Amino acid sequence: MPDFYSKVYELVALIPSGRVTTYGAIAKALGSASSSRLVGIAMNHAHELRPDLPVHRVVNRNGLLTGKHHFTDRFTMEQLLSWERIMVVDDQIVDISSVRWDPLLDL
């Protein structure tokens, strides 16, 4: 899995500020559409392996902040997104379509 994680991390590093993508979009861009859970696991490990990555910009397909529990504080993910002018209400991005970044289309 280290090679897969490295590829995930390379894509996550490209997500622009003020935009988000999903676990599934990353998996699909890597040619492994059924591996969105593995992308999530890679994101969880990134906190230790690659703390420089903007992992707060990766959410589930509905815009839910499912990774928030892996930050030092459960509000950190929302705060980081807020600083990038991404609105979050009840742990969900408001109008995800307006801030969604698709690695297949936007690279």
N, C-alpha and C. Protein backbone atom coordinates (compact mmCIF):
# COMPACT_ATOMS: atom_id res chain seq x y z
N MET A 1 0.78 -1.21 0.00
CA MET A 1 0.00 0.00 0.00
C MET A 1 0.83 1.29 0.00
N PRO A 2 2.09 1.25 0.39
CA PRO A 2 2.84 2.51 0.41
C PRO A 2 2.84 3.23 -0.94
N ASP A 3 2.92 2.49 -2.06
CA ASP A 3 2.88 3.14 -3.37
C ASP A 3 1.54 3.83 -3.60
N PHE A 4 0.46 3.17 -3.21
CA PHE A 4 -0.87 3.75 -3.36
C PHE A 4 -0.97 5.02 -2.52
N TYR A 5 -0.52 4.95 -1.27
CA TYR A 5 -0.54 6.12 -0.40
C TYR A 5 0.24 7.26 -1.02
N SER A 6 1.41 6.98 -1.57
CA SER A 6 2.23 8.02 -2.19
C SER A 6 1.48 8.70 -3.32
N LYS A 7 0.77 7.92 -4.12
CA LYS A 7 0.00 8.49 -5.22
C LYS A 7 -1.16 9.34 -4.70
N VAL A 8 -1.80 8.86 -3.64
CA VAL A 8 -2.87 9.64 -3.01
C VAL A 8 -2.31 10.97 -2.52
N TYR A 9 -1.18 10.92 -1.83
CA TYR A 9 -0.59 12.13 -1.27
C TYR A 9 -0.17 13.12 -2.35
N GLU A 10 0.30 12.61 -3.49
CA GLU A 10 0.67 13.48 -4.61
C GLU A 10 -0.55 14.25 -5.11
N LEU A 11 -1.68 13.57 -5.21
CA LEU A 11 -2.91 14.24 -5.66
C LEU A 11 -3.42 15.23 -4.62
N VAL A 12 -3.42 14.83 -3.37
CA VAL A 12 -3.93 15.71 -2.30
C VAL A 12 -3.11 17.00 -2.24
N ALA A 13 -1.83 16.91 -2.48
CA ALA A 13 -0.96 18.09 -2.46
C ALA A 13 -1.36 19.10 -3.54
N LEU A 14 -2.07 18.66 -4.57
CA LEU A 14 -2.46 19.53 -5.67
C LEU A 14 -3.80 20.23 -5.47
N ILE A 15 -4.56 19.85 -4.45
CA ILE A 15 -5.88 20.45 -4.24
C ILE A 15 -5.68 21.93 -3.90
N PRO A 16 -6.25 22.82 -4.70
CA PRO A 16 -6.06 24.25 -4.45
C PRO A 16 -6.78 24.72 -3.18
N SER A 17 -6.25 25.75 -2.59
CA SER A 17 -6.90 26.38 -1.45
C SER A 17 -8.29 26.85 -1.87
N GLY A 18 -9.27 26.66 -0.99
CA GLY A 18 -10.63 27.06 -1.29
C GLY A 18 -11.42 26.05 -2.09
N ARG A 19 -10.84 24.87 -2.29
CA ARG A 19 -11.50 23.80 -3.02
C ARG A 19 -11.41 22.52 -2.20
N VAL A 20 -12.29 21.57 -2.48
CA VAL A 20 -12.26 20.25 -1.83
C VAL A 20 -12.45 19.18 -2.88
N THR A 21 -12.05 17.97 -2.53
CA THR A 21 -12.34 16.81 -3.37
C THR A 21 -12.81 15.69 -2.45
N THR A 22 -13.16 14.58 -3.06
CA THR A 22 -13.69 13.47 -2.29
C THR A 22 -12.75 12.27 -2.35
N TYR A 23 -12.95 11.38 -1.41
CA TYR A 23 -12.18 10.14 -1.38
C TYR A 23 -12.37 9.39 -2.71
N GLY A 24 -13.61 9.35 -3.16
CA GLY A 24 -13.93 8.65 -4.39
C GLY A 24 -13.30 9.27 -5.62
N ALA A 25 -13.26 10.59 -5.69
CA ALA A 25 -12.65 11.28 -6.83
C ALA A 25 -11.16 10.98 -6.90
N ILE A 26 -10.52 10.92 -5.76
CA ILE A 26 -9.09 10.58 -5.72
C ILE A 26 -8.90 9.14 -6.19
N ALA A 27 -9.70 8.23 -5.66
CA ALA A 27 -9.59 6.81 -6.05
C ALA A 27 -9.80 6.65 -7.55
N LYS A 28 -10.82 7.31 -8.09
CA LYS A 28 -11.11 7.22 -9.52
C LYS A 28 -9.96 7.78 -10.34
N ALA A 29 -9.40 8.91 -9.92
CA ALA A 29 -8.29 9.52 -10.65
C ALA A 29 -7.06 8.61 -10.67
N LEU A 30 -6.94 7.77 -9.65
CA LEU A 30 -5.82 6.84 -9.58
C LEU A 30 -6.10 5.52 -10.28
N GLY A 31 -7.27 5.44 -10.92
CA GLY A 31 -7.61 4.23 -11.65
C GLY A 31 -8.11 3.11 -10.78
N SER A 32 -8.56 3.44 -9.59
CA SER A 32 -9.02 2.44 -8.65
C SER A 32 -10.31 2.92 -7.98
N ALA A 33 -11.34 3.10 -8.78
CA ALA A 33 -12.59 3.71 -8.33
C ALA A 33 -13.21 3.05 -7.10
N SER A 34 -12.94 1.79 -6.88
CA SER A 34 -13.54 1.09 -5.73
C SER A 34 -12.69 1.22 -4.46
N SER A 35 -11.69 2.06 -4.48
CA SER A 35 -10.77 2.16 -3.34
C SER A 35 -10.93 3.43 -2.51
N SER A 36 -12.13 4.00 -2.49
CA SER A 36 -12.31 5.25 -1.74
C SER A 36 -12.05 5.07 -0.23
N ARG A 37 -12.38 3.90 0.30
CA ARG A 37 -12.09 3.66 1.73
C ARG A 37 -10.59 3.62 1.98
N LEU A 38 -9.85 3.07 1.05
CA LEU A 38 -8.41 3.03 1.19
C LEU A 38 -7.81 4.44 1.12
N VAL A 39 -8.42 5.30 0.31
CA VAL A 39 -8.00 6.71 0.28
C VAL A 39 -8.25 7.33 1.65
N GLY A 40 -9.38 7.01 2.26
CA GLY A 40 -9.68 7.51 3.60
C GLY A 40 -8.64 7.05 4.62
N ILE A 41 -8.24 5.81 4.52
CA ILE A 41 -7.21 5.29 5.42
C ILE A 41 -5.89 6.01 5.19
N ALA A 42 -5.57 6.26 3.93
CA ALA A 42 -4.35 7.02 3.61
C ALA A 42 -4.42 8.42 4.23
N MET A 43 -5.60 9.03 4.19
CA MET A 43 -5.76 10.36 4.78
C MET A 43 -5.53 10.31 6.29
N ASN A 44 -6.03 9.27 6.93
CA ASN A 44 -5.84 9.12 8.37
C ASN A 44 -4.36 8.99 8.72
N HIS A 45 -3.63 8.25 7.91
CA HIS A 45 -2.19 8.08 8.13
C HIS A 45 -1.39 9.33 7.79
N ALA A 46 -1.94 10.16 6.93
CA ALA A 46 -1.23 11.36 6.49
C ALA A 46 -0.93 12.31 7.65
N HIS A 47 -1.77 12.30 8.67
CA HIS A 47 -1.54 13.18 9.82
C HIS A 47 -0.16 12.92 10.43
N GLU A 48 0.28 11.67 10.39
CA GLU A 48 1.60 11.31 10.93
C GLU A 48 2.67 11.29 9.84
N LEU A 49 2.33 10.74 8.68
CA LEU A 49 3.32 10.55 7.61
C LEU A 49 3.60 11.82 6.81
N ARG A 50 2.57 12.62 6.59
CA ARG A 50 2.70 13.82 5.76
C ARG A 50 1.88 14.97 6.35
N PRO A 51 2.29 15.49 7.51
CA PRO A 51 1.51 16.54 8.15
C PRO A 51 1.41 17.84 7.34
N ASP A 52 2.21 17.96 6.28
CA ASP A 52 2.18 19.14 5.43
C ASP A 52 1.02 19.13 4.43
N LEU A 53 0.37 18.00 4.25
CA LEU A 53 -0.70 17.87 3.26
C LEU A 53 -1.99 18.54 3.71
N PRO A 54 -2.74 19.11 2.77
CA PRO A 54 -4.03 19.72 3.10
C PRO A 54 -5.15 18.66 3.18
N VAL A 55 -5.01 17.75 4.11
CA VAL A 55 -5.98 16.66 4.22
C VAL A 55 -7.37 17.16 4.60
N HIS A 56 -7.45 18.37 5.11
CA HIS A 56 -8.76 18.94 5.45
C HIS A 56 -9.60 19.19 4.20
N ARG A 57 -8.99 19.15 3.03
CA ARG A 57 -9.70 19.40 1.78
C ARG A 57 -10.27 18.13 1.15
N VAL A 58 -10.21 17.02 1.87
CA VAL A 58 -10.75 15.76 1.36
C VAL A 58 -11.94 15.36 2.25
N VAL A 59 -13.09 15.21 1.61
CA VAL A 59 -14.34 14.93 2.33
C VAL A 59 -15.07 13.77 1.65
N ASN A 60 -16.17 13.35 2.22
CA ASN A 60 -16.91 12.27 1.58
C ASN A 60 -17.74 12.83 0.42
N ARG A 61 -18.37 11.98 -0.34
CA ARG A 61 -19.05 12.39 -1.57
C ARG A 61 -20.18 13.38 -1.35
N ASN A 62 -20.71 13.43 -0.13
CA ASN A 62 -21.79 14.37 0.19
C ASN A 62 -21.28 15.65 0.84
N GLY A 63 -19.95 15.75 0.97
CA GLY A 63 -19.38 16.94 1.60
C GLY A 63 -19.29 16.86 3.11
N LEU A 64 -19.54 15.69 3.67
CA LEU A 64 -19.44 15.53 5.12
C LEU A 64 -17.98 15.47 5.55
N LEU A 65 -17.69 16.07 6.68
CA LEU A 65 -16.33 16.10 7.21
C LEU A 65 -16.05 14.82 8.00
N THR A 66 -16.05 13.71 7.30
CA THR A 66 -15.89 12.42 7.95
C THR A 66 -14.50 12.21 8.55
N GLY A 67 -13.52 13.00 8.11
CA GLY A 67 -12.17 12.86 8.64
C GLY A 67 -11.88 13.75 9.83
N LYS A 68 -12.87 14.48 10.32
CA LYS A 68 -12.63 15.47 11.38
C LYS A 68 -12.10 14.86 12.68
N HIS A 69 -12.41 13.62 12.94
CA HIS A 69 -11.99 12.99 14.20
C HIS A 69 -10.51 12.64 14.22
N HIS A 70 -9.85 12.75 13.07
CA HIS A 70 -8.43 12.42 13.00
C HIS A 70 -7.53 13.64 13.19
N PHE A 71 -8.14 14.79 13.42
CA PHE A 71 -7.38 15.99 13.73
C PHE A 71 -7.25 16.09 15.25
N THR A 72 -6.35 16.94 15.72
CA THR A 72 -6.12 17.05 17.16
C THR A 72 -7.36 17.54 17.90
N ASP A 73 -8.20 18.28 17.21
CA ASP A 73 -9.43 18.81 17.79
C ASP A 73 -10.54 18.56 16.78
N ARG A 74 -11.72 18.21 17.21
CA ARG A 74 -12.78 17.86 16.27
C ARG A 74 -13.29 19.03 15.45
N PHE A 75 -12.87 20.25 15.80
CA PHE A 75 -13.29 21.43 15.05
C PHE A 75 -12.20 21.95 14.10
N THR A 76 -11.03 21.35 14.13
CA THR A 76 -9.90 21.82 13.32
C THR A 76 -10.20 21.78 11.83
N MET A 77 -10.77 20.70 11.36
CA MET A 77 -11.05 20.55 9.93
C MET A 77 -12.00 21.66 9.46
N GLU A 78 -13.06 21.88 10.21
CA GLU A 78 -14.02 22.93 9.86
C GLU A 78 -13.36 24.30 9.89
N GLN A 79 -12.52 24.54 10.89
CA GLN A 79 -11.84 25.83 11.00
C GLN A 79 -10.91 26.07 9.80
N LEU A 80 -10.14 25.04 9.42
CA LEU A 80 -9.24 25.18 8.27
C LEU A 80 -10.02 25.47 6.99
N LEU A 81 -11.13 24.81 6.80
CA LEU A 81 -11.97 25.06 5.62
C LEU A 81 -12.57 26.46 5.67
N SER A 82 -12.98 26.87 6.84
CA SER A 82 -13.55 28.21 7.02
C SER A 82 -12.53 29.30 6.65
N TRP A 83 -11.28 29.09 7.04
CA TRP A 83 -10.22 30.05 6.70
C TRP A 83 -10.04 30.15 5.20
N GLU A 84 -10.43 29.11 4.47
CA GLU A 84 -10.34 29.11 3.01
C GLU A 84 -11.67 29.53 2.37
N ARG A 85 -12.54 30.07 3.18
CA ARG A 85 -13.86 30.57 2.74
C ARG A 85 -14.78 29.47 2.22
N ILE A 86 -14.65 28.30 2.80
CA ILE A 86 -15.56 27.20 2.48
C ILE A 86 -16.55 27.09 3.64
N MET A 87 -17.81 27.27 3.34
CA MET A 87 -18.83 27.27 4.38
C MET A 87 -19.21 25.85 4.79
N VAL A 88 -19.22 25.62 6.10
CA VAL A 88 -19.59 24.33 6.66
C VAL A 88 -20.70 24.54 7.68
N VAL A 89 -21.75 23.75 7.57
CA VAL A 89 -22.86 23.78 8.53
C VAL A 89 -23.14 22.35 8.96
N ASP A 90 -23.16 22.12 10.25
CA ASP A 90 -23.43 20.78 10.79
C ASP A 90 -22.50 19.72 10.18
N ASP A 91 -21.21 20.05 10.15
CA ASP A 91 -20.18 19.13 9.65
C ASP A 91 -20.32 18.77 8.18
N GLN A 92 -20.98 19.62 7.39
CA GLN A 92 -21.15 19.37 5.97
C GLN A 92 -20.91 20.66 5.19
N ILE A 93 -20.17 20.51 4.09
CA ILE A 93 -19.90 21.66 3.23
C ILE A 93 -21.20 22.10 2.56
N VAL A 94 -21.45 23.39 2.62
CA VAL A 94 -22.63 23.96 1.97
C VAL A 94 -22.33 24.10 0.49
N ASP A 95 -23.19 23.57 -0.34
CA ASP A 95 -23.05 23.63 -1.80
C ASP A 95 -21.69 23.13 -2.27
N ILE A 96 -21.43 21.86 -2.02
CA ILE A 96 -20.13 21.27 -2.38
C ILE A 96 -19.83 21.43 -3.88
N SER A 97 -20.86 21.47 -4.71
CA SER A 97 -20.61 21.58 -6.16
C SER A 97 -19.87 22.87 -6.52
N SER A 98 -20.01 23.90 -5.70
CA SER A 98 -19.36 25.17 -6.01
C SER A 98 -17.87 25.18 -5.63
N VAL A 99 -17.44 24.22 -4.83
CA VAL A 99 -16.04 24.20 -4.38
C VAL A 99 -15.35 22.86 -4.71
N ARG A 100 -16.06 21.98 -5.37
CA ARG A 100 -15.51 20.65 -5.68
C ARG A 100 -14.39 20.76 -6.71
N TRP A 101 -13.29 20.07 -6.43
CA TRP A 101 -12.15 19.98 -7.34
C TRP A 101 -12.06 18.53 -7.79
N ASP A 102 -12.09 18.31 -9.10
CA ASP A 102 -12.02 16.96 -9.65
C ASP A 102 -10.65 16.76 -10.28
N PRO A 103 -9.83 15.88 -9.71
CA PRO A 103 -8.48 15.69 -10.26
C PRO A 103 -8.46 15.24 -11.71
N LEU A 104 -9.52 14.58 -12.18
CA LEU A 104 -9.57 14.16 -13.58
C LEU A 104 -9.85 15.32 -14.53
N LEU A 105 -10.58 16.31 -14.05
CA LEU A 105 -10.97 17.42 -14.90
C LEU A 105 -10.13 18.67 -14.69
N ASP A 106 -9.62 18.85 -13.51
CA ASP A 106 -8.99 20.11 -13.14
C ASP A 106 -7.47 20.08 -13.13
N LEU A 107 -6.86 18.98 -13.54
CA LEU A 107 -5.39 18.93 -13.57
C LEU A 107 -4.87 19.43 -14.90
